[in-house]
């Protein structure tokens, strides 16, 4: 059984980042402008009764500067962490600079940053955005490797995120290109050390689609990354398996995670759609409760909901926001905040 779920963050955050009309604050040093680094005021869960942090993908209601800024303010009410994801640019400043406004807006709200550098196409089968001279190349190519290391290192140096994922749902690439996967692992380890040299406190990881990890029994992939994997970073969309009701999710769905010791578990994408009706919205709220019940005895350190507002791009993700496209807070909003 093979499960492929297109990452919602990959599809939307590259649109989100860099779209603010606000001018980022800068400081001047030696005649060059650098983004203002604002030390986050939140480093622990805002609710002292929980041991993990909550986060969100700050999809705004609309694309005006005011609406985008409002999304970050609302996100700070829902949790302590903001998730920003973009496709890799392979040396293009366009992609690197698009984080700047979002990081500035997040820091103003005291939010921690989780940046994910998405190196794969949305179907997770091929490397994304390869320039003409690198078409058809894999992770063994020297030029590709250097561009990758340079880009992720510059992101870490410039933005100092608390967490960075150097690939999204990389286990999909393991299925499509098992022969090239070890080359990615070795590249990841090189990038890990390069990032630590410029931002020692940034936790480094890659993400895996949880349902595929379980279906394909891919847990041996974790050992390939060794001590350079500082988080077990997962995405999960059980609705694609148990869509009739969150109560249909088996008690054992996340049980294997209870055996993970010594490695913090970060769900960087969690989602269940609202289905554009009252029953669907209630089930969305029920899923949030169900998810945290099923992961209660795991080493959960972070849980990020896929979208703040509904996405207007269609499909199941269209109603996955905690707030609808008109600004109405769904039952899931208060449920998520209360965790």
C-alpha atoms as a PDB file:
ATOM      1  CA  UNK A   1       0.000   0.000   0.000  1.00  0.00           C
ATOM      2  CA  UNK A   2       1.449   3.324  -1.025  1.00  0.00           C
ATOM      3  CA  UNK A   3       0.040   6.587   0.268  1.00  0.00           C
ATOM      4  CA  UNK A   4       0.861   9.882  -1.385  1.00  0.00           C
ATOM      5  CA  UNK A   5      -0.569  13.063   0.089  1.00  0.00           C
ATOM      6  CA  UNK A   6       0.462  16.388  -1.437  1.00  0.00           C
ATOM      7  CA  UNK A   7       1.862  18.579   1.324  1.00  0.00           C
ATOM      8  CA  UNK A   8      -0.451  21.529   1.897  1.00  0.00           C
ATOM      9  CA  UNK A   9       2.388  23.683   3.126  1.00  0.00           C
ATOM     10  CA  UNK A  10       4.307  23.052  -0.081  1.00  0.00           C
ATOM     11  CA  UNK A  11       1.310  24.136  -2.129  1.00  0.00           C
ATOM     12  CA  UNK A  12       0.462  27.310  -0.216  1.00  0.00           C
ATOM     13  CA  UNK A  13       3.349  28.720   1.760  1.00  0.00           C
ATOM     14  CA  UNK A  14       5.485  29.527  -1.246  1.00  0.00           C
ATOM     15  CA  UNK A  15       2.589  31.789  -2.215  1.00  0.00           C
ATOM     16  CA  UNK A  16       2.251  33.160   1.296  1.00  0.00           C
ATOM     17  CA  UNK A  17       5.858  34.035   1.959  1.00  0.00           C
ATOM     18  CA  UNK A  18       6.950  37.368   0.640  1.00  0.00           C
ATOM     19  CA  UNK A  19       3.454  38.588  -0.159  1.00  0.00           C
ATOM     20  CA  UNK A  20       3.207  41.149   2.637  1.00  0.00           C
ATOM     21  CA  UNK A  21       3.058  44.717   1.454  1.00  0.00           C
ATOM     22  CA  UNK A  22       4.725  45.881   4.657  1.00  0.00           C
ATOM     23  CA  UNK A  23       8.327  46.946   4.401  1.00  0.00           C
ATOM     24  CA  UNK A  24      10.535  44.725   6.598  1.00  0.00           C
ATOM     25  CA  UNK A  25      12.522  46.439   9.296  1.00  0.00           C
ATOM     26  CA  UNK A  26      16.246  46.453   8.695  1.00  0.00           C
ATOM     27  CA  UNK A  27      19.444  47.453  10.394  1.00  0.00           C
ATOM     28  CA  UNK A  28      22.459  48.856   8.643  1.00  0.00           C
ATOM     29  CA  UNK A  29      25.907  47.383   9.029  1.00  0.00           C
ATOM     30  CA  UNK A  30      28.930  48.215   6.889  1.00  0.00           C
ATOM     31  CA  UNK A  31      26.636  49.753   4.302  1.00  0.00           C
ATOM     32  CA  UNK A  32      24.576  46.604   3.745  1.00  0.00           C
ATOM     33  CA  UNK A  33      21.073  45.929   4.941  1.00  0.00           C
ATOM     34  CA  UNK A  34      20.302  42.889   7.053  1.00  0.00           C
ATOM     35  CA  UNK A  35      16.886  41.831   8.369  1.00  0.00           C
ATOM     36  CA  UNK A  36      16.193  42.958  11.912  1.00  0.00           C
ATOM     37  CA  UNK A  37      16.573  40.083  14.349  1.00  0.00           C
ATOM     38  CA  UNK A  38      13.959  40.331  17.089  1.00  0.00           C
ATOM     39  CA  UNK A  39      14.475  37.861  19.894  1.00  0.00           C
ATOM     40  CA  UNK A  40      11.250  35.886  20.307  1.00  0.00           C
ATOM     41  CA  UNK A  41       9.419  36.392  23.558  1.00  0.00           C
ATOM     42  CA  UNK A  42       7.850  32.952  23.511  1.00  0.00           C
ATOM     43  CA  UNK A  43      10.070  29.926  24.064  1.00  0.00           C
ATOM     44  CA  UNK A  44       7.722  27.660  26.010  1.00  0.00           C
ATOM     45  CA  UNK A  45       4.083  26.639  25.608  1.00  0.00           C
ATOM     46  CA  UNK A  46       1.794  29.519  26.560  1.00  0.00           C
ATOM     47  CA  UNK A  47      -0.387  27.025  28.411  1.00  0.00           C
ATOM     48  CA  UNK A  48       1.704  25.755  31.363  1.00  0.00           C
ATOM     49  CA  UNK A  49      -0.496  22.653  31.585  1.00  0.00           C
ATOM     50  CA  UNK A  50       0.890  21.228  28.334  1.00  0.00           C
ATOM     51  CA  UNK A  51       4.435  20.110  27.615  1.00  0.00           C
ATOM     52  CA  UNK A  52       4.405  20.793  23.873  1.00  0.00           C
ATOM     53  CA  UNK A  53       4.121  23.851  21.640  1.00  0.00           C
ATOM     54  CA  UNK A  54       1.362  24.627  19.167  1.00  0.00           C
ATOM     55  CA  UNK A  55       1.914  26.218  15.785  1.00  0.00           C
ATOM     56  CA  UNK A  56       0.104  27.156  12.596  1.00  0.00           C
ATOM     57  CA  UNK A  57       0.616  27.919   8.908  1.00  0.00           C
ATOM     58  CA  UNK A  58      -0.423  31.601   8.719  1.00  0.00           C
ATOM     59  CA  UNK A  59      -2.657  31.496   5.637  1.00  0.00           C
ATOM     60  CA  UNK A  60      -4.294  34.955   5.588  1.00  0.00           C
ATOM     61  CA  UNK A  61      -7.917  35.763   4.796  1.00  0.00           C
ATOM     62  CA  UNK A  62      -6.738  37.890   1.845  1.00  0.00           C
ATOM     63  CA  UNK A  63      -3.563  39.329   0.397  1.00  0.00           C
ATOM     64  CA  UNK A  64      -3.545  42.936   1.566  1.00  0.00           C
ATOM     65  CA  UNK A  65      -0.778  43.981   3.938  1.00  0.00           C
ATOM     66  CA  UNK A  66      -3.352  44.427   6.710  1.00  0.00           C
ATOM     67  CA  UNK A  67      -4.795  40.940   6.197  1.00  0.00           C
ATOM     68  CA  UNK A  68      -1.376  39.316   6.181  1.00  0.00           C
ATOM     69  CA  UNK A  69      -0.313  41.157   9.346  1.00  0.00           C
ATOM     70  CA  UNK A  70      -3.610  40.125  10.954  1.00  0.00           C
ATOM     71  CA  UNK A  71      -2.859  36.475  10.157  1.00  0.00           C
ATOM     72  CA  UNK A  72       0.290  36.643  12.264  1.00  0.00           C
ATOM     73  CA  UNK A  73      -1.531  38.324  15.120  1.00  0.00           C
ATOM     74  CA  UNK A  74      -4.209  35.617  15.044  1.00  0.00           C
ATOM     75  CA  UNK A  75      -1.538  32.933  14.820  1.00  0.00           C
ATOM     76  CA  UNK A  76       0.002  34.210  18.034  1.00  0.00           C
ATOM     77  CA  UNK A  77      -3.350  33.604  19.742  1.00  0.00           C
ATOM     78  CA  UNK A  78      -3.407  29.999  18.563  1.00  0.00           C
ATOM     79  CA  UNK A  79       0.144  28.972  19.462  1.00  0.00           C
ATOM     80  CA  UNK A  80       3.799  29.796  19.824  1.00  0.00           C
ATOM     81  CA  UNK A  81       5.276  28.735  16.470  1.00  0.00           C
ATOM     82  CA  UNK A  82       4.794  29.803  12.857  1.00  0.00           C
ATOM     83  CA  UNK A  83       5.497  27.466   9.929  1.00  0.00           C
ATOM     84  CA  UNK A  84       6.994  28.831   6.691  1.00  0.00           C
ATOM     85  CA  UNK A  85       7.698  26.583   3.707  1.00  0.00           C
ATOM     86  CA  UNK A  86       9.072  27.268   0.238  1.00  0.00           C
ATOM     87  CA  UNK A  87      10.444  25.297  -2.655  1.00  0.00           C
ATOM     88  CA  UNK A  88      14.223  25.378  -2.888  1.00  0.00           C
ATOM     89  CA  UNK A  89      15.583  28.037  -5.242  1.00  0.00           C
ATOM     90  CA  UNK A  90      18.946  26.491  -6.200  1.00  0.00           C
ATOM     91  CA  UNK A  91      20.748  29.787  -5.787  1.00  0.00           C
ATOM     92  CA  UNK A  92      17.894  32.125  -6.757  1.00  0.00           C
ATOM     93  CA  UNK A  93      17.665  35.149  -4.448  1.00  0.00           C
ATOM     94  CA  UNK A  94      13.959  35.305  -5.250  1.00  0.00           C
ATOM     95  CA  UNK A  95      13.196  32.388  -2.960  1.00  0.00           C
ATOM     96  CA  UNK A  96      15.655  33.350  -0.248  1.00  0.00           C
ATOM     97  CA  UNK A  97      14.313  36.886   0.143  1.00  0.00           C
ATOM     98  CA  UNK A  98      10.675  35.832   0.292  1.00  0.00           C
ATOM     99  CA  UNK A  99      11.049  34.675   3.889  1.00  0.00           C
ATOM    100  CA  UNK A 100      12.037  38.155   5.067  1.00  0.00           C
ATOM    101  CA  UNK A 101       8.680  39.873   5.615  1.00  0.00           C
ATOM    102  CA  UNK A 102       7.166  36.777   7.177  1.00  0.00           C
ATOM    103  CA  UNK A 103       9.995  36.306   9.650  1.00  0.00           C
ATOM    104  CA  UNK A 104       9.774  39.989  10.612  1.00  0.00           C
ATOM    105  CA  UNK A 105       5.992  39.790  11.132  1.00  0.00           C
ATOM    106  CA  UNK A 106       6.329  36.578  13.151  1.00  0.00           C
ATOM    107  CA  UNK A 107       9.049  37.956  15.412  1.00  0.00           C
ATOM    108  CA  UNK A 108       6.931  41.044  16.119  1.00  0.00           C
ATOM    109  CA  UNK A 109       4.306  38.687  17.542  1.00  0.00           C
ATOM    110  CA  UNK A 110       6.862  36.787  19.621  1.00  0.00           C
ATOM    111  CA  UNK A 111       6.481  33.670  17.486  1.00  0.00           C
ATOM    112  CA  UNK A 112       9.167  31.061  16.974  1.00  0.00           C
ATOM    113  CA  UNK A 113      10.019  30.098  13.397  1.00  0.00           C
ATOM    114  CA  UNK A 114       9.875  26.700  11.731  1.00  0.00           C
ATOM    115  CA  UNK A 115      11.251  26.954   8.186  1.00  0.00           C
ATOM    116  CA  UNK A 116      10.920  24.042   5.785  1.00  0.00           C
ATOM    117  CA  UNK A 117      12.953  23.950   2.576  1.00  0.00           C
ATOM    118  CA  UNK A 118      10.954  21.809   0.157  1.00  0.00           C
ATOM    119  CA  UNK A 119      13.318  20.084  -2.270  1.00  0.00           C
ATOM    120  CA  UNK A 120      10.724  17.808  -3.894  1.00  0.00           C
ATOM    121  CA  UNK A 121       7.872  18.177  -6.343  1.00  0.00           C
ATOM    122  CA  UNK A 122       4.426  18.016  -4.767  1.00  0.00           C
ATOM    123  CA  UNK A 123       4.020  14.323  -5.601  1.00  0.00           C
ATOM    124  CA  UNK A 124       7.307  13.688  -3.706  1.00  0.00           C
ATOM    125  CA  UNK A 125       8.736  11.667  -6.588  1.00  0.00           C
ATOM    126  CA  UNK A 126      11.250  14.087  -8.127  1.00  0.00           C
ATOM    127  CA  UNK A 127      13.572  16.939  -7.148  1.00  0.00           C
ATOM    128  CA  UNK A 128      11.829  20.309  -7.521  1.00  0.00           C
ATOM    129  CA  UNK A 129      12.775  23.485  -9.381  1.00  0.00           C
ATOM    130  CA  UNK A 130      15.962  22.151 -10.979  1.00  0.00           C
ATOM    131  CA  UNK A 131      17.509  24.775 -13.262  1.00  0.00           C
ATOM    132  CA  UNK A 132      18.205  23.885 -16.893  1.00  0.00           C
ATOM    133  CA  UNK A 133      21.790  22.812 -16.300  1.00  0.00           C
ATOM    134  CA  UNK A 134      20.778  20.386 -13.544  1.00  0.00           C
ATOM    135  CA  UNK A 135      17.771  18.731 -15.174  1.00  0.00           C
ATOM    136  CA  UNK A 136      17.910  14.991 -14.622  1.00  0.00           C
ATOM    137  CA  UNK A 137      20.594  15.220 -11.943  1.00  0.00           C
ATOM    138  CA  UNK A 138      20.327  13.584  -8.537  1.00  0.00           C
ATOM    139  CA  UNK A 139      21.669  14.320  -5.076  1.00  0.00           C
ATOM    140  CA  UNK A 140      25.095  12.935  -6.002  1.00  0.00           C
ATOM    141  CA  UNK A 141      25.772  15.835  -8.384  1.00  0.00           C
ATOM    142  CA  UNK A 142      28.492  18.139  -7.000  1.00  0.00           C
ATOM    143  CA  UNK A 143      26.994  21.365  -8.344  1.00  0.00           C
ATOM    144  CA  UNK A 144      23.535  20.517  -7.002  1.00  0.00           C
ATOM    145  CA  UNK A 145      24.989  19.631  -3.609  1.00  0.00           C
ATOM    146  CA  UNK A 146      26.892  22.892  -3.278  1.00  0.00           C
ATOM    147  CA  UNK A 147      23.870  24.984  -4.286  1.00  0.00           C
ATOM    148  CA  UNK A 148      21.754  23.150  -1.721  1.00  0.00           C
ATOM    149  CA  UNK A 149      24.272  23.635   1.091  1.00  0.00           C
ATOM    150  CA  UNK A 150      24.755  27.289   0.221  1.00  0.00           C
ATOM    151  CA  UNK A 151      21.029  27.996   0.209  1.00  0.00           C
ATOM    152  CA  UNK A 152      20.025  26.252   3.429  1.00  0.00           C
ATOM    153  CA  UNK A 153      23.059  27.671   5.228  1.00  0.00           C
ATOM    154  CA  UNK A 154      22.195  31.202   4.123  1.00  0.00           C
ATOM    155  CA  UNK A 155      18.610  30.740   5.323  1.00  0.00           C
ATOM    156  CA  UNK A 156      19.849  29.627   8.731  1.00  0.00           C
ATOM    157  CA  UNK A 157      22.388  32.453   8.923  1.00  0.00           C
ATOM    158  CA  UNK A 158      19.966  35.178   7.849  1.00  0.00           C
ATOM    159  CA  UNK A 159      16.840  34.191   9.748  1.00  0.00           C
ATOM    160  CA  UNK A 160      18.077  32.090  12.703  1.00  0.00           C
ATOM    161  CA  UNK A 161      14.955  29.893  12.832  1.00  0.00           C
ATOM    162  CA  UNK A 162      14.411  27.801  15.937  1.00  0.00           C
ATOM    163  CA  UNK A 163      13.785  24.807  13.651  1.00  0.00           C
ATOM    164  CA  UNK A 164      14.574  24.035  10.023  1.00  0.00           C
ATOM    165  CA  UNK A 165      13.506  21.032   7.933  1.00  0.00           C
ATOM    166  CA  UNK A 166      15.804  20.433   4.973  1.00  0.00           C
ATOM    167  CA  UNK A 167      13.208  18.445   3.015  1.00  0.00           C
ATOM    168  CA  UNK A 168       9.462  17.822   3.210  1.00  0.00           C
ATOM    169  CA  UNK A 169       8.082  14.267   3.200  1.00  0.00           C
ATOM    170  CA  UNK A 170      11.416  12.894   2.039  1.00  0.00           C
ATOM    171  CA  UNK A 171      10.237   9.292   2.427  1.00  0.00           C
ATOM    172  CA  UNK A 172       8.292   9.746  -0.810  1.00  0.00           C
ATOM    173  CA  UNK A 173      11.604  10.220  -2.607  1.00  0.00           C
ATOM    174  CA  UNK A 174      12.915   7.044  -0.972  1.00  0.00           C
ATOM    175  CA  UNK A 175      10.096   5.134  -2.677  1.00  0.00           C
ATOM    176  CA  UNK A 176      10.662   6.640  -6.112  1.00  0.00           C
ATOM    177  CA  UNK A 177      14.495   6.824  -6.012  1.00  0.00           C
ATOM    178  CA  UNK A 178      15.913   4.383  -3.457  1.00  0.00           C
ATOM    179  CA  UNK A 179      19.249   4.406  -5.291  1.00  0.00           C
ATOM    180  CA  UNK A 180      19.654   8.174  -4.836  1.00  0.00           C
ATOM    181  CA  UNK A 181      18.349   8.375  -1.288  1.00  0.00           C
ATOM    182  CA  UNK A 182      21.718   7.661   0.392  1.00  0.00           C
ATOM    183  CA  UNK A 183      23.160  10.606  -1.555  1.00  0.00           C
ATOM    184  CA  UNK A 184      20.498  12.861  -0.069  1.00  0.00           C
ATOM    185  CA  UNK A 185      21.314  11.559   3.416  1.00  0.00           C
ATOM    186  CA  UNK A 186      25.003  12.358   3.000  1.00  0.00           C
ATOM    187  CA  UNK A 187      24.107  15.800   1.633  1.00  0.00           C
ATOM    188  CA  UNK A 188      21.814  16.406   4.604  1.00  0.00           C
ATOM    189  CA  UNK A 189      24.628  15.590   7.008  1.00  0.00           C
ATOM    190  CA  UNK A 190      26.974  18.023   5.280  1.00  0.00           C
ATOM    191  CA  UNK A 191      24.288  20.700   5.395  1.00  0.00           C
ATOM    192  CA  UNK A 192      23.643  19.952   9.063  1.00  0.00           C
ATOM    193  CA  UNK A 193      27.203  20.833  10.035  1.00  0.00           C
ATOM    194  CA  UNK A 194      27.201  23.904   7.798  1.00  0.00           C
ATOM    195  CA  UNK A 195      24.010  25.188   9.448  1.00  0.00           C
ATOM    196  CA  UNK A 196      25.304  24.529  12.952  1.00  0.00           C
ATOM    197  CA  UNK A 197      28.381  26.602  12.166  1.00  0.00           C
ATOM    198  CA  UNK A 198      26.275  29.716  11.512  1.00  0.00           C
ATOM    199  CA  UNK A 199      23.227  29.071  13.745  1.00  0.00           C
ATOM    200  CA  UNK A 200      24.145  26.607  16.495  1.00  0.00           C
ATOM    201  CA  UNK A 201      20.785  26.770  18.282  1.00  0.00           C
ATOM    202  CA  UNK A 202      18.712  25.913  15.199  1.00  0.00           C
ATOM    203  CA  UNK A 203      17.337  22.365  15.385  1.00  0.00           C
ATOM    204  CA  UNK A 204      17.759  20.549  12.071  1.00  0.00           C
ATOM    205  CA  UNK A 205      15.557  17.799  10.640  1.00  0.00           C
ATOM    206  CA  UNK A 206      13.703  16.506   7.601  1.00  0.00           C
ATOM    207  CA  UNK A 207      10.023  15.609   7.569  1.00  0.00           C
ATOM    208  CA  UNK A 208       8.351  12.296   6.778  1.00  0.00           C
ATOM    209  CA  UNK A 209       4.727  11.614   5.861  1.00  0.00           C
ATOM    210  CA  UNK A 210       3.588   9.552   8.833  1.00  0.00           C
ATOM    211  CA  UNK A 211       0.959   7.422   7.122  1.00  0.00           C
ATOM    212  CA  UNK A 212       3.501   6.343   4.497  1.00  0.00           C
ATOM    213  CA  UNK A 213       6.094   5.591   7.183  1.00  0.00           C
ATOM    214  CA  UNK A 214       3.606   3.205   8.791  1.00  0.00           C
ATOM    215  CA  UNK A 215       2.244   1.640   5.581  1.00  0.00           C
ATOM    216  CA  UNK A 216       5.722   1.047   4.114  1.00  0.00           C
ATOM    217  CA  UNK A 217       7.446   0.229   7.437  1.00  0.00           C
ATOM    218  CA  UNK A 218      10.094   2.871   6.801  1.00  0.00           C
ATOM    219  CA  UNK A 219      11.302   3.422  10.357  1.00  0.00           C
ATOM    220  CA  UNK A 220      14.793   2.225   9.460  1.00  0.00           C
ATOM    221  CA  UNK A 221      15.206   5.496   7.530  1.00  0.00           C
ATOM    222  CA  UNK A 222      15.623   7.331  10.830  1.00  0.00           C
ATOM    223  CA  UNK A 223      18.828   5.487  11.641  1.00  0.00           C
ATOM    224  CA  UNK A 224      20.319   6.563   8.301  1.00  0.00           C
ATOM    225  CA  UNK A 225      20.283  10.190   9.485  1.00  0.00           C
ATOM    226  CA  UNK A 226      21.829   9.285  12.825  1.00  0.00           C
ATOM    227  CA  UNK A 227      22.518  11.931  15.451  1.00  0.00           C
ATOM    228  CA  UNK A 228      22.167  14.673  12.854  1.00  0.00           C
ATOM    229  CA  UNK A 229      18.377  14.248  13.056  1.00  0.00           C
ATOM    230  CA  UNK A 230      17.354  16.461  15.978  1.00  0.00           C
ATOM    231  CA  UNK A 231      13.588  16.107  15.604  1.00  0.00           C
ATOM    232  CA  UNK A 232      11.294  13.377  14.374  1.00  0.00           C
ATOM    233  CA  UNK A 233       9.411  15.698  12.051  1.00  0.00           C
ATOM    234  CA  UNK A 234       6.147  14.318  10.650  1.00  0.00           C
ATOM    235  CA  UNK A 235       3.149  15.292   8.539  1.00  0.00           C
ATOM    236  CA  UNK A 236      -0.167  13.514   9.077  1.00  0.00           C
ATOM    237  CA  UNK A 237      -3.518  13.525   7.268  1.00  0.00           C
ATOM    238  CA  UNK A 238      -5.506  10.519   8.560  1.00  0.00           C
ATOM    239  CA  UNK A 239      -8.623  11.888   6.898  1.00  0.00           C
ATOM    240  CA  UNK A 240      -7.343  10.353   3.661  1.00  0.00           C
ATOM    241  CA  UNK A 241      -7.633   6.948   5.322  1.00  0.00           C
ATOM    242  CA  UNK A 242     -10.510   7.426   7.767  1.00  0.00           C
ATOM    243  CA  UNK A 243     -12.520  10.244   6.231  1.00  0.00           C
ATOM    244  CA  UNK A 244     -15.976   9.275   7.493  1.00  0.00           C
ATOM    245  CA  UNK A 245     -15.264  10.344  11.073  1.00  0.00           C
ATOM    246  CA  UNK A 246     -12.286  11.115  13.335  1.00  0.00           C
ATOM    247  CA  UNK A 247     -13.676   8.478  15.661  1.00  0.00           C
ATOM    248  CA  UNK A 248     -12.835   5.904  12.973  1.00  0.00           C
ATOM    249  CA  UNK A 249      -9.118   6.525  13.488  1.00  0.00           C
ATOM    250  CA  UNK A 250      -7.903   3.389  15.308  1.00  0.00           C
ATOM    251  CA  UNK A 251      -6.532   3.693  18.827  1.00  0.00           C
ATOM    252  CA  UNK A 252      -3.267   2.271  17.511  1.00  0.00           C
ATOM    253  CA  UNK A 253      -2.810   4.764  14.649  1.00  0.00           C
ATOM    254  CA  UNK A 254      -0.054   6.723  16.435  1.00  0.00           C
ATOM    255  CA  UNK A 255       0.859   4.000  18.930  1.00  0.00           C
ATOM    256  CA  UNK A 256       4.259   3.244  17.374  1.00  0.00           C
ATOM    257  CA  UNK A 257       5.392   6.743  18.346  1.00  0.00           C
ATOM    258  CA  UNK A 258       5.167   5.764  21.994  1.00  0.00           C
ATOM    259  CA  UNK A 259       8.293   3.654  21.388  1.00  0.00           C
ATOM    260  CA  UNK A 260      10.311   6.636  20.154  1.00  0.00           C
ATOM    261  CA  UNK A 261      12.639   7.687  22.956  1.00  0.00           C
ATOM    262  CA  UNK A 262      15.144  10.516  23.119  1.00  0.00           C
ATOM    263  CA  UNK A 263      13.928  12.195  19.920  1.00  0.00           C
ATOM    264  CA  UNK A 264      11.368  15.027  20.196  1.00  0.00           C
ATOM    265  CA  UNK A 265       8.375  14.523  17.905  1.00  0.00           C
ATOM    266  CA  UNK A 266       7.282  17.535  15.861  1.00  0.00           C
ATOM    267  CA  UNK A 267       4.155  17.293  13.704  1.00  0.00           C
ATOM    268  CA  UNK A 268       4.806  20.069  11.191  1.00  0.00           C
ATOM    269  CA  UNK A 269       1.533  19.431   9.344  1.00  0.00           C
ATOM    270  CA  UNK A 270      -1.733  18.253  10.888  1.00  0.00           C
ATOM    271  CA  UNK A 271      -5.041  18.641   9.130  1.00  0.00           C
ATOM    272  CA  UNK A 272      -8.681  17.609   8.761  1.00  0.00           C
ATOM    273  CA  UNK A 273     -11.129  19.417   6.484  1.00  0.00           C
ATOM    274  CA  UNK A 274     -14.313  21.196   7.555  1.00  0.00           C
ATOM    275  CA  UNK A 275     -16.226  19.970   4.468  1.00  0.00           C
ATOM    276  CA  UNK A 276     -18.206  23.247   4.177  1.00  0.00           C
ATOM    277  CA  UNK A 277     -21.035  22.121   6.448  1.00  0.00           C
ATOM    278  CA  UNK A 278     -21.884  22.098  10.144  1.00  0.00           C
ATOM    279  CA  UNK A 279     -21.225  18.385  10.574  1.00  0.00           C
ATOM    280  CA  UNK A 280     -17.877  18.641   8.808  1.00  0.00           C
ATOM    281  CA  UNK A 281     -16.793  21.573  10.953  1.00  0.00           C
ATOM    282  CA  UNK A 282     -17.748  19.694  14.105  1.00  0.00           C
ATOM    283  CA  UNK A 283     -15.755  16.682  12.922  1.00  0.00           C
ATOM    284  CA  UNK A 284     -12.757  18.944  12.322  1.00  0.00           C
ATOM    285  CA  UNK A 285     -12.907  20.017  15.965  1.00  0.00           C
ATOM    286  CA  UNK A 286     -13.393  16.387  17.018  1.00  0.00           C
ATOM    287  CA  UNK A 287     -10.285  15.396  15.084  1.00  0.00           C
ATOM    288  CA  UNK A 288      -8.163  17.893  17.008  1.00  0.00           C
ATOM    289  CA  UNK A 289      -9.326  16.398  20.298  1.00  0.00           C
ATOM    290  CA  UNK A 290      -8.856  12.892  18.922  1.00  0.00           C
ATOM    291  CA  UNK A 291      -5.330  13.620  17.652  1.00  0.00           C
ATOM    292  CA  UNK A 292      -4.081  14.887  20.990  1.00  0.00           C
ATOM    293  CA  UNK A 293      -5.725  11.996  22.809  1.00  0.00           C
ATOM    294  CA  UNK A 294      -3.974   9.463  20.561  1.00  0.00           C
ATOM    295  CA  UNK A 295      -0.569  11.162  20.882  1.00  0.00           C
ATOM    296  CA  UNK A 296      -0.853  11.829  24.609  1.00  0.00           C
ATOM    297  CA  UNK A 297       1.791   9.328  25.697  1.00  0.00           C
ATOM    298  CA  UNK A 298       4.320  10.200  23.001  1.00  0.00           C
ATOM    299  CA  UNK A 299       7.324  12.516  23.172  1.00  0.00           C
ATOM    300  CA  UNK A 300       5.343  15.263  21.426  1.00  0.00           C
ATOM    301  CA  UNK A 301       7.180  18.583  21.370  1.00  0.00           C
ATOM    302  CA  UNK A 302       5.336  20.523  18.640  1.00  0.00           C
ATOM    303  CA  UNK A 303       2.066  20.283  16.690  1.00  0.00           C
ATOM    304  CA  UNK A 304       1.403  22.633  13.752  1.00  0.00           C
ATOM    305  CA  UNK A 305      -2.061  22.950  12.197  1.00  0.00           C
ATOM    306  CA  UNK A 306      -1.920  23.136   8.417  1.00  0.00           C
ATOM    307  CA  UNK A 307      -3.872  26.350   7.809  1.00  0.00           C
ATOM    308  CA  UNK A 308      -5.131  29.387   9.700  1.00  0.00           C
ATOM    309  CA  UNK A 309      -7.733  30.438   7.109  1.00  0.00           C
ATOM    310  CA  UNK A 310      -9.392  28.286   4.479  1.00  0.00           C
ATOM    311  CA  UNK A 311      -7.523  28.062   1.199  1.00  0.00           C
ATOM    312  CA  UNK A 312      -9.340  29.143  -1.966  1.00  0.00           C
ATOM    313  CA  UNK A 313      -7.476  26.705  -4.193  1.00  0.00           C
ATOM    314  CA  UNK A 314     -10.103  23.982  -4.084  1.00  0.00           C
ATOM    315  CA  UNK A 315      -9.977  20.342  -3.044  1.00  0.00           C
ATOM    316  CA  UNK A 316     -10.016  18.861   0.439  1.00  0.00           C
ATOM    317  CA  UNK A 317      -7.630  21.543   1.711  1.00  0.00           C
ATOM    318  CA  UNK A 318     -10.101  24.295   0.810  1.00  0.00           C
ATOM    319  CA  UNK A 319     -11.870  23.906   4.165  1.00  0.00           C
ATOM    320  CA  UNK A 320      -8.908  22.905   6.323  1.00  0.00           C
ATOM    321  CA  UNK A 321      -8.487  26.298   7.972  1.00  0.00           C
ATOM    322  CA  UNK A 322      -9.453  27.008  11.564  1.00  0.00           C
ATOM    323  CA  UNK A 323     -11.118  30.181  10.242  1.00  0.00           C
ATOM    324  CA  UNK A 324     -13.172  30.346   7.056  1.00  0.00           C
ATOM    325  CA  UNK A 325     -12.444  32.632   4.106  1.00  0.00           C
ATOM    326  CA  UNK A 326     -14.933  35.215   5.452  1.00  0.00           C
ATOM    327  CA  UNK A 327     -13.143  35.460   8.798  1.00  0.00           C
ATOM    328  CA  UNK A 328     -15.583  33.325  10.809  1.00  0.00           C
ATOM    329  CA  UNK A 329     -13.882  31.230  13.467  1.00  0.00           C
ATOM    330  CA  UNK A 330     -14.896  27.582  13.264  1.00  0.00           C
ATOM    331  CA  UNK A 331     -15.361  25.327  16.309  1.00  0.00           C
ATOM    332  CA  UNK A 332     -11.877  23.955  15.565  1.00  0.00           C
ATOM    333  CA  UNK A 333     -10.342  27.369  16.358  1.00  0.00           C
ATOM    334  CA  UNK A 334     -11.288  27.267  20.027  1.00  0.00           C
ATOM    335  CA  UNK A 335     -10.571  23.549  20.261  1.00  0.00           C
ATOM    336  CA  UNK A 336      -7.054  23.954  18.933  1.00  0.00           C
ATOM    337  CA  UNK A 337      -6.344  26.976  21.144  1.00  0.00           C
ATOM    338  CA  UNK A 338      -7.507  25.059  24.214  1.00  0.00           C
ATOM    339  CA  UNK A 339      -5.106  22.171  23.797  1.00  0.00           C
END
